Amino acid sequence: MSDPLPSFVSQVMTLCAVGATSATERPSGETVAQQAQRILDGMNAYLALADLATQGQWKVGWLALTNDRANLAYLAAGPNDQIAVCLRGTVVSSLIDVAEDLEVGTMLPFGQGNISQGAMKAFTEVTSAAGADGTTLLQAVNAAVGASSSALTIYVAGHSLGGALATTVGVWLGQQSFSLQPAIQLVTFAGPTAGDQGFAQQVNGLLPAPLLYINQYDAIPQAWASLANIDAFYPYDFFDRKKKPGPQATIEVKVLVSQLEKLPGENVYVQPTQQRALNERYTVWNPDDVGSRFKTTIPIFAGQVLFQHSGNTYLQLLKAPQLPANAPVVTSISPASGALAGGTQVTITGTGFSSDSVVDFGTVPATNVQVASSTQITCTSPAMVGTADVQVTNMYGTSPAVAADRFTTPLS
């Protein structure tokens, strides 16, 4: 991208990227309040890193996780009285969240336009959810405005679904009255459309002018205004992969896209005015999701879609430091089997273990958890039957379930 970017854009994208921290619930369960606190701790641990674009100068002070855990809003404060209201993107593992994304067959009135039923649900949830202190988003913003001696610029931001949600919250905040009226600077990344032409006009009318950024090879912002465009998103060249690394859309992909295109029905979705794409060429790509001349599958295509859409890819396109992979990973357990009644001493090897780490065998918590180092944990297995994944959870997230983490007990 040749156009100069405002200096705050990389910082705001970093604030959006940390929103994915600990998005899934602990396997053995935890309350909404416990997960919200874990998310808050992990986000602030990331933001304390001086080598990110936020330079250790930002901190999340207010956070509200909705009761269904599908949506999240948080307010961050930075240097020079900077304030950001951020909305989290889609949690792919949340069926509720994904279902909301797909509720586009019905539109509901929103100001001078209309937005999808799913967008309205998400908006209603995040604006009514309360933080740990019992305050709502609007109350938290009011408190931030009241604490400032001069008029603020409030960045309203989000990545992915959070970007679409940020457009609704931005329009809504722009209609509120404050003791000292702030400027509402909308900044979104990879956001799909939330509504129709009337809604897009409301977004475009915000001052300062909204900043809506996309990776031109990201399929998600094409929903739901121009989804058919992804048929030719990855112009694969088998003889020059550096030039066009693919994968191209197969017939199976096109059939899947054609089904998704039908979801809006007669509704016409319109993107608010976007900035020029962050990239002009297909230079950022994942070589693991390319396929070959004879093998281009839906999973390979989907893998490249997810990569092009990820927060770290957007940070890379912004030439900003990416978030490190701090979430725990389990690489082996020893022994891999034990007694039906529990009580087996198990050593877990991996990466990303921290002092706040807990361990679950399937949906049952382990006992006597001792974190020896960032690569080793010992614990006692619980009573269980059959085979379960041994997963480690801390403020950065939960280790993915893999073949190497499975622990087995007799069936009887």
Protein backbone atom coordinates (compact mmCIF):
# COMPACT_ATOMS: atom_id res chain seq x y z
CA MET A 1 0.00 0.00 0.00
CA SER A 2 1.50 3.30 -1.06
CA ASP A 3 -0.81 5.62 0.88
CA PRO A 4 0.65 6.61 4.27
CA LEU A 5 -1.16 5.12 7.27
CA PRO A 6 -2.05 7.15 10.35
CA SER A 7 0.39 6.34 13.14
CA PHE A 8 -2.30 4.92 15.41
CA VAL A 9 -3.53 2.25 12.98
CA SER A 10 -0.95 -0.42 13.88
CA GLN A 11 -1.60 0.18 17.58
CA VAL A 12 -5.35 -0.18 17.12
CA MET A 13 -4.92 -3.39 15.11
CA THR A 14 -2.74 -4.77 17.90
CA LEU A 15 -5.50 -3.93 20.39
CA CYS A 16 -7.94 -5.82 18.18
CA ALA A 17 -5.62 -8.81 17.78
CA VAL A 18 -5.25 -9.37 21.52
CA GLY A 19 -9.03 -9.72 21.70
CA ALA A 20 -8.73 -13.34 20.56
CA THR A 21 -6.87 -14.23 23.78
CA SER A 22 -8.40 -17.17 25.72
CA ALA A 23 -11.54 -17.03 23.59
CA THR A 24 -12.58 -20.61 24.41
CA GLU A 25 -13.83 -21.83 27.77
CA ARG A 26 -11.65 -24.11 29.89
CA PRO A 27 -12.47 -27.78 28.99
CA SER A 28 -13.62 -28.65 32.54
CA GLY A 29 -15.67 -25.46 32.69
CA GLU A 30 -15.43 -22.06 34.33
CA THR A 31 -17.86 -19.26 35.07
CA VAL A 32 -18.25 -16.33 32.70
CA ALA A 33 -16.59 -14.12 35.32
CA GLN A 34 -13.63 -16.49 35.64
CA GLN A 35 -13.10 -16.64 31.90
CA ALA A 36 -13.47 -12.87 31.59
CA GLN A 37 -10.76 -12.38 34.21
CA ARG A 38 -8.50 -14.90 32.44
CA ILE A 39 -9.03 -13.04 29.15
CA LEU A 40 -8.28 -9.71 30.81
CA ASP A 41 -5.07 -11.03 32.38
CA GLY A 42 -3.88 -12.51 29.08
CA MET A 43 -4.66 -9.39 27.06
CA ASN A 44 -2.80 -7.15 29.47
CA ALA A 45 0.14 -9.56 29.56
CA TYR A 46 0.37 -9.21 25.77
CA LEU A 47 -0.02 -5.43 25.92
CA ALA A 48 2.79 -5.20 28.47
CA LEU A 49 5.23 -6.37 25.77
CA ALA A 50 7.31 -3.37 24.72
CA ASP A 51 8.15 -4.79 21.28
CA LEU A 52 4.55 -4.71 20.01
CA ALA A 53 3.16 -1.66 18.22
CA THR A 54 1.44 -0.67 21.47
CA GLN A 55 4.94 -0.39 23.07
CA GLY A 56 3.73 -1.48 26.50
CA GLN A 57 1.76 1.77 26.84
CA TRP A 58 -1.80 0.43 26.54
CA LYS A 59 -3.90 -1.44 29.11
CA VAL A 60 -7.39 -2.92 29.07
CA GLY A 61 -9.29 -1.58 32.06
CA TRP A 62 -12.92 -2.56 31.36
CA LEU A 63 -14.07 -5.78 29.73
CA ALA A 64 -17.45 -7.46 29.33
CA LEU A 65 -17.94 -11.03 28.11
CA THR A 66 -21.54 -11.81 27.17
CA ASN A 67 -23.33 -14.58 29.06
CA ASP A 68 -23.21 -16.89 26.01
CA ARG A 69 -19.45 -16.09 25.70
CA ALA A 70 -19.91 -15.41 21.98
CA ASN A 71 -19.20 -11.67 22.08
CA LEU A 72 -16.71 -9.47 23.88
CA ALA A 73 -16.24 -5.72 24.27
CA TYR A 74 -13.31 -4.07 26.00
CA LEU A 75 -12.01 -0.58 26.65
CA ALA A 76 -8.29 0.17 26.55
CA ALA A 77 -6.44 3.28 27.65
CA GLY A 78 -3.18 4.44 26.13
CA PRO A 79 -0.75 7.36 26.36
CA ASN A 80 -1.90 10.96 25.95
CA ASP A 81 -5.47 10.15 27.06
CA GLN A 82 -6.06 7.84 24.12
CA ILE A 83 -9.09 5.55 24.49
CA ALA A 84 -10.09 2.57 22.34
CA VAL A 85 -13.36 0.64 22.41
CA CYS A 86 -12.69 -2.75 20.80
CA LEU A 87 -15.03 -5.55 19.75
CA ARG A 88 -13.88 -9.15 19.36
CA GLY A 89 -14.20 -11.09 16.12
CA THR A 90 -15.75 -14.51 15.55
CA VAL A 91 -14.82 -17.39 17.86
CA VAL A 92 -14.84 -20.24 15.33
CA SER A 93 -15.29 -22.86 18.06
CA SER A 94 -18.47 -21.13 19.29
CA LEU A 95 -21.55 -22.47 17.51
CA ILE A 96 -23.52 -19.51 18.88
CA ASP A 97 -21.04 -17.05 17.41
CA VAL A 98 -20.90 -18.74 14.01
CA ALA A 99 -24.71 -18.98 13.91
CA GLU A 100 -24.94 -15.23 14.55
CA ASP A 101 -22.59 -14.59 11.62
CA LEU A 102 -24.92 -16.53 9.34
CA GLU A 103 -28.16 -14.86 10.47
CA VAL A 104 -28.29 -12.61 7.43
CA GLY A 105 -31.61 -13.69 5.90
CA THR A 106 -33.49 -11.18 8.07
CA MET A 107 -32.74 -7.47 8.46
CA LEU A 108 -33.85 -5.25 11.34
CA PRO A 109 -34.08 -1.45 11.54
CA PHE A 110 -31.02 0.36 12.89
CA GLY A 111 -31.20 4.14 12.77
CA GLN A 112 -31.70 5.24 9.18
CA GLY A 113 -30.90 1.80 7.76
CA ASN A 114 -31.08 -1.90 8.48
CA ILE A 115 -28.62 -4.49 9.77
CA SER A 116 -28.68 -8.28 9.85
CA GLN A 117 -30.47 -10.09 12.64
CA GLY A 118 -27.14 -11.62 13.71
CA ALA A 119 -25.46 -8.21 13.86
CA MET A 120 -28.37 -6.86 15.91
CA LYS A 121 -28.06 -9.75 18.39
CA ALA A 122 -24.34 -9.15 18.82
CA PHE A 123 -24.85 -5.38 19.18
CA THR A 124 -27.58 -5.84 21.80
CA GLU A 125 -25.46 -8.29 23.76
CA VAL A 126 -22.27 -6.21 23.91
CA THR A 127 -24.03 -2.96 24.73
CA SER A 128 -26.01 -4.52 27.59
CA ALA A 129 -23.28 -6.79 29.02
CA ALA A 130 -21.67 -5.69 32.28
CA GLY A 131 -18.03 -5.69 33.30
CA ALA A 132 -16.70 -6.97 36.61
CA ASP A 133 -17.69 -3.71 38.28
CA GLY A 134 -21.26 -3.95 37.00
CA THR A 135 -20.95 -1.12 34.46
CA THR A 136 -22.03 -1.33 30.83
CA LEU A 137 -20.05 -0.22 27.79
CA LEU A 138 -21.74 3.18 27.65
CA GLN A 139 -21.14 3.74 31.37
CA ALA A 140 -17.47 2.80 30.95
CA VAL A 141 -17.10 5.23 28.03
CA ASN A 142 -18.86 7.96 30.01
CA ALA A 143 -16.45 7.42 32.90
CA ALA A 144 -13.45 7.67 30.54
CA VAL A 145 -14.80 10.86 28.99
CA GLY A 146 -15.56 12.35 32.40
CA ALA A 147 -12.05 11.62 33.64
CA SER A 148 -10.48 13.62 30.81
CA SER A 149 -9.92 17.35 30.98
CA SER A 150 -10.10 17.77 27.21
CA ALA A 151 -12.15 16.39 24.33
CA LEU A 152 -11.10 12.84 23.48
CA THR A 153 -10.83 10.91 20.28
CA ILE A 154 -12.25 7.46 20.94
CA TYR A 155 -11.13 4.74 18.54
CA VAL A 156 -13.97 2.26 17.96
CA ALA A 157 -12.34 -0.77 16.43
CA GLY A 158 -12.62 -4.42 15.58
CA HIS A 159 -11.22 -7.18 13.39
CA SER A 160 -13.40 -9.66 11.47
CA LEU A 161 -16.92 -9.86 12.96
CA GLY A 162 -15.58 -7.35 15.49
CA GLY A 163 -15.13 -4.97 12.56
CA ALA A 164 -18.77 -5.33 11.52
CA LEU A 165 -19.83 -4.96 15.15
CA ALA A 166 -17.63 -1.87 15.51
CA THR A 167 -19.59 -0.16 12.73
CA THR A 168 -22.84 -0.60 14.69
CA VAL A 169 -21.25 0.49 17.98
CA GLY A 170 -19.54 3.43 16.27
CA VAL A 171 -22.82 4.71 14.83
CA TRP A 172 -24.51 4.22 18.21
CA LEU A 173 -21.80 6.01 20.20
CA GLY A 174 -21.88 8.84 17.67
CA GLN A 175 -25.52 9.41 18.61
CA GLN A 176 -24.90 9.62 22.38
CA SER A 177 -24.53 12.79 24.43
CA PHE A 178 -21.47 13.13 26.66
CA SER A 179 -20.32 15.75 29.15
CA LEU A 180 -17.49 16.62 26.75
CA GLN A 181 -18.33 15.34 23.27
CA PRO A 182 -15.57 13.00 21.97
CA ALA A 183 -14.69 12.40 18.35
CA ILE A 184 -15.60 8.85 17.29
CA GLN A 185 -12.86 7.46 15.02
CA LEU A 186 -14.06 4.17 13.55
CA VAL A 187 -11.21 1.82 12.56
CA THR A 188 -11.99 -1.68 11.27
CA PHE A 189 -9.99 -4.53 9.79
CA ALA A 190 -11.37 -7.41 7.71
CA GLY A 191 -14.94 -6.53 8.59
CA PRO A 192 -17.84 -8.09 6.66
CA THR A 193 -20.85 -5.89 5.98
CA ALA A 194 -23.39 -5.48 8.75
CA GLY A 195 -26.23 -3.86 6.84
CA ASP A 196 -27.77 -2.19 3.80
CA GLN A 197 -27.20 1.05 1.92
CA GLY A 198 -28.95 3.14 4.57
CA PHE A 199 -26.72 1.73 7.29
CA ALA A 200 -23.59 2.17 5.14
CA GLN A 201 -24.48 5.83 4.68
CA GLN A 202 -24.70 6.28 8.46
CA VAL A 203 -21.23 4.78 8.84
CA ASN A 204 -19.84 6.94 6.05
CA GLY A 205 -21.28 10.01 7.76
CA LEU A 206 -19.23 9.59 10.94
CA LEU A 207 -16.60 12.24 11.66
CA PRO A 208 -13.66 11.84 11.51
CA ALA A 209 -14.12 9.77 8.37
CA PRO A 210 -14.13 6.02 9.11
CA LEU A 211 -11.04 3.96 8.30
CA LEU A 212 -12.00 0.50 7.01
CA TYR A 213 -9.00 -1.65 6.05
CA ILE A 214 -8.88 -4.94 4.16
CA ASN A 215 -6.41 -7.44 2.76
CA GLN A 216 -7.61 -7.75 -0.81
CA TYR A 217 -7.08 -11.52 -0.68
CA ASP A 218 -9.20 -11.89 2.46
CA ALA A 219 -12.53 -13.51 1.62
CA ILE A 220 -14.36 -12.54 4.83
CA PRO A 221 -14.87 -8.82 4.03
CA GLN A 222 -16.64 -9.94 0.85
CA ALA A 223 -19.54 -11.19 2.98
CA TRP A 224 -22.25 -10.35 2.32
CA ALA A 225 -21.91 -7.75 -0.38
CA SER A 226 -19.67 -9.50 -2.92
CA LEU A 227 -19.03 -13.06 -1.80
CA ALA A 228 -18.87 -14.41 -5.35
CA ASN A 229 -15.55 -12.61 -5.76
CA ILE A 230 -13.71 -15.35 -3.89
CA ASP A 231 -14.06 -17.70 -6.87
CA ALA A 232 -10.93 -16.10 -8.29
CA PHE A 233 -9.24 -14.99 -5.09
CA TYR A 234 -6.12 -17.10 -5.37
CA PRO A 235 -4.93 -17.09 -9.01
CA TYR A 236 -2.76 -20.18 -8.80
CA ASP A 237 0.21 -20.54 -11.14
CA PHE A 238 1.74 -24.04 -10.86
CA PHE A 239 4.86 -22.98 -12.72
CA ASP A 240 5.62 -19.86 -10.68
CA ARG A 241 4.40 -20.25 -7.10
CA LYS A 242 6.28 -17.17 -5.92
CA LYS A 243 4.19 -15.13 -8.32
CA LYS A 244 0.78 -16.72 -7.70
CA PRO A 245 0.89 -19.20 -4.84
CA GLY A 246 -2.77 -20.28 -4.95
CA PRO A 247 -4.84 -22.26 -4.19
CA GLN A 248 -7.50 -21.61 -6.80
CA ALA A 249 -11.17 -22.20 -6.05
CA THR A 250 -12.21 -25.71 -7.10
CA ILE A 251 -15.70 -26.73 -8.22
CA GLU A 252 -16.37 -27.89 -4.65
CA VAL A 253 -15.38 -24.49 -3.26
CA LYS A 254 -17.57 -22.71 -5.81
CA VAL A 255 -20.54 -24.90 -4.87
CA LEU A 256 -19.99 -24.08 -1.19
CA VAL A 257 -19.74 -20.35 -1.94
CA SER A 258 -22.89 -20.48 -4.07
CA GLN A 259 -24.77 -21.91 -1.09
CA LEU A 260 -23.47 -19.16 1.20
CA GLU A 261 -24.50 -16.55 -1.37
CA LYS A 262 -28.11 -17.65 -0.94
CA LEU A 263 -28.22 -16.92 2.80
CA PRO A 264 -29.07 -13.19 2.51
CA GLY A 265 -32.11 -13.98 0.35
CA GLU A 266 -33.56 -10.78 -1.12
CA ASN A 267 -31.58 -8.55 1.24
CA VAL A 268 -28.94 -6.34 -0.36
CA TYR A 269 -25.84 -5.78 1.78
CA VAL A 270 -23.53 -2.85 1.15
CA GLN A 271 -20.02 -2.20 2.45
CA PRO A 272 -19.36 1.28 3.83
CA THR A 273 -16.59 3.10 1.97
CA GLN A 274 -13.32 1.24 2.49
CA GLN A 275 -9.75 2.42 2.35
CA ARG A 276 -7.51 1.30 -0.45
CA ALA A 277 -6.47 -2.34 0.18
CA LEU A 278 -3.44 -2.83 2.39
CA ASN A 279 -1.80 -4.86 -0.38
CA GLU A 280 -1.75 -4.70 -4.16
CA ARG A 281 -0.10 -8.09 -4.74
CA TYR A 282 -0.51 -11.56 -3.27
CA THR A 283 2.73 -11.46 -1.29
CA VAL A 284 1.61 -12.71 2.14
CA TRP A 285 0.53 -16.34 2.08
CA ASN A 286 0.82 -19.63 3.92
CA PRO A 287 2.83 -22.22 1.92
CA ASP A 288 1.20 -25.04 3.92
CA ASP A 289 -2.16 -24.19 2.35
CA VAL A 290 -1.29 -24.12 -1.33
CA GLY A 291 -2.12 -27.57 -2.67
CA SER A 292 -0.65 -28.89 -5.89
CA ARG A 293 -1.51 -29.28 -9.50
CA PHE A 294 -3.49 -32.38 -8.63
CA LYS A 295 -4.68 -31.60 -5.10
CA THR A 296 -6.60 -28.47 -4.21
CA THR A 297 -9.15 -29.32 -1.54
CA ILE A 298 -11.72 -27.36 0.45
CA PRO A 299 -9.58 -27.66 3.63
CA ILE A 300 -6.56 -26.26 1.76
CA PHE A 301 -8.62 -23.39 0.36
CA ALA A 302 -10.18 -22.76 3.80
CA GLY A 303 -6.73 -22.82 5.40
CA GLN A 304 -5.52 -20.07 3.10
CA VAL A 305 -8.73 -18.09 3.73
CA LEU A 306 -8.16 -18.29 7.49
CA PHE A 307 -4.52 -17.30 7.10
CA GLN A 308 -5.33 -14.29 4.93
CA HIS A 309 -7.95 -13.25 7.50
CA SER A 310 -5.88 -13.66 10.67
CA GLY A 311 -4.94 -10.79 12.94
CA ASN A 312 -1.24 -11.50 12.56
CA THR A 313 -1.51 -11.35 8.77
CA TYR A 314 -3.07 -7.90 9.06
CA LEU A 315 -0.27 -6.84 11.42
CA GLN A 316 2.23 -8.15 8.89
CA LEU A 317 0.58 -6.13 6.11
CA LEU A 318 0.75 -3.08 8.36
CA LYS A 319 4.47 -3.80 8.88
CA ALA A 320 3.79 -4.05 12.61
CA PRO A 321 5.13 -6.66 15.06
CA GLN A 322 2.94 -9.76 15.28
CA LEU A 323 1.57 -11.26 18.48
CA PRO A 324 3.77 -14.11 19.75
CA ALA A 325 2.20 -17.55 20.08
CA ASN A 326 2.13 -17.65 23.88
CA ALA A 327 -0.75 -20.11 24.32
CA PRO A 328 0.26 -23.50 25.75
CA VAL A 329 0.97 -26.50 23.50
CA VAL A 330 1.24 -30.11 24.69
CA THR A 331 3.77 -32.24 22.80
CA SER A 332 3.78 -35.41 24.96
CA ILE A 333 2.55 -36.95 28.20
CA SER A 334 4.11 -39.73 30.25
CA PRO A 335 2.74 -42.20 31.03
CA ALA A 336 -0.01 -42.22 28.40
CA SER A 337 -2.25 -44.53 30.43
CA GLY A 338 -3.20 -45.01 34.04
CA ALA A 339 -5.59 -46.31 36.64
CA LEU A 340 -9.37 -46.12 36.26
CA ALA A 341 -9.66 -44.63 39.75
CA GLY A 342 -7.12 -41.91 39.00
CA GLY A 343 -4.05 -41.17 41.07
CA THR A 344 -1.48 -41.66 38.29
CA GLN A 345 1.44 -39.21 38.36
CA VAL A 346 1.64 -37.70 34.86
CA THR A 347 4.38 -35.54 33.37
CA ILE A 348 3.27 -33.15 30.61
CA THR A 349 5.84 -31.77 28.17
CA GLY A 350 5.23 -28.86 25.83
CA THR A 351 5.62 -25.10 25.53
CA GLY A 352 3.96 -21.98 26.89
CA PHE A 353 3.35 -23.27 30.42
CA SER A 354 3.07 -20.56 33.08
CA SER A 355 2.48 -20.39 36.81
CA ASP A 356 -1.28 -19.93 36.35
CA SER A 357 -1.60 -23.10 34.22
CA VAL A 358 -4.28 -25.67 35.05
CA VAL A 359 -4.74 -29.14 33.55
CA ASP A 360 -7.83 -31.04 32.41
CA PHE A 361 -8.24 -34.68 31.38
CA GLY A 362 -11.11 -34.28 28.99
CA THR A 363 -13.69 -32.36 31.02
CA VAL A 364 -12.30 -33.43 34.41
CA PRO A 365 -9.67 -31.28 36.19
CA ALA A 366 -6.39 -32.82 37.31
CA THR A 367 -5.13 -32.41 40.87
CA ASN A 368 -1.72 -31.59 42.36
CA VAL A 369 -0.71 -29.51 39.35
CA GLN A 370 2.92 -28.40 39.62
CA VAL A 371 4.45 -26.15 36.94
CA ALA A 372 8.13 -27.07 36.90
CA SER A 373 9.04 -24.83 33.96
CA SER A 374 7.65 -23.31 30.78
CA THR A 375 8.06 -26.75 29.17
CA GLN A 376 7.04 -29.22 31.92
CA ILE A 377 4.10 -29.80 34.27
CA THR A 378 3.37 -32.68 36.64
CA CYS A 379 -0.11 -33.55 37.90
CA THR A 380 -2.25 -36.37 39.22
CA SER A 381 -4.81 -37.93 36.90
CA PRO A 382 -8.49 -37.89 37.96
CA ALA A 383 -10.86 -40.85 37.94
CA MET A 384 -12.01 -41.37 34.35
CA VAL A 385 -12.98 -44.02 31.82
CA GLY A 386 -11.56 -44.42 28.32
CA THR A 387 -9.40 -41.90 26.44
CA ALA A 388 -9.25 -38.16 26.99
CA ASP A 389 -7.19 -35.22 25.76
CA VAL A 390 -4.88 -33.76 28.41
CA GLN A 391 -5.07 -30.00 27.88
CA VAL A 392 -3.35 -27.09 29.60
CA THR A 393 -5.15 -23.78 30.12
CA ASN A 394 -3.68 -20.45 31.20
CA MET A 395 -4.31 -16.76 30.63
CA TYR A 396 -3.18 -17.03 27.00
CA GLY A 397 -5.52 -19.88 26.06
CA THR A 398 -5.94 -23.65 26.00
CA SER A 399 -3.63 -26.12 24.28
CA PRO A 400 -5.21 -27.67 21.18
CA ALA A 401 -6.33 -31.29 21.38
CA VAL A 402 -3.77 -33.43 19.54
CA ALA A 403 -2.91 -37.13 19.29
CA ALA A 404 0.16 -36.64 21.49
CA ASP A 405 -1.87 -35.51 24.52
CA ARG A 406 -4.20 -38.53 24.87
CA PHE A 407 -4.42 -40.42 28.15
CA THR A 408 -6.20 -43.77 28.44
CA THR A 409 -7.68 -45.78 31.31
CA PRO A 410 -9.40 -49.19 31.19
CA LEU A 411 -13.03 -49.24 30.12
CA SER A 412 -14.00 -51.18 33.25
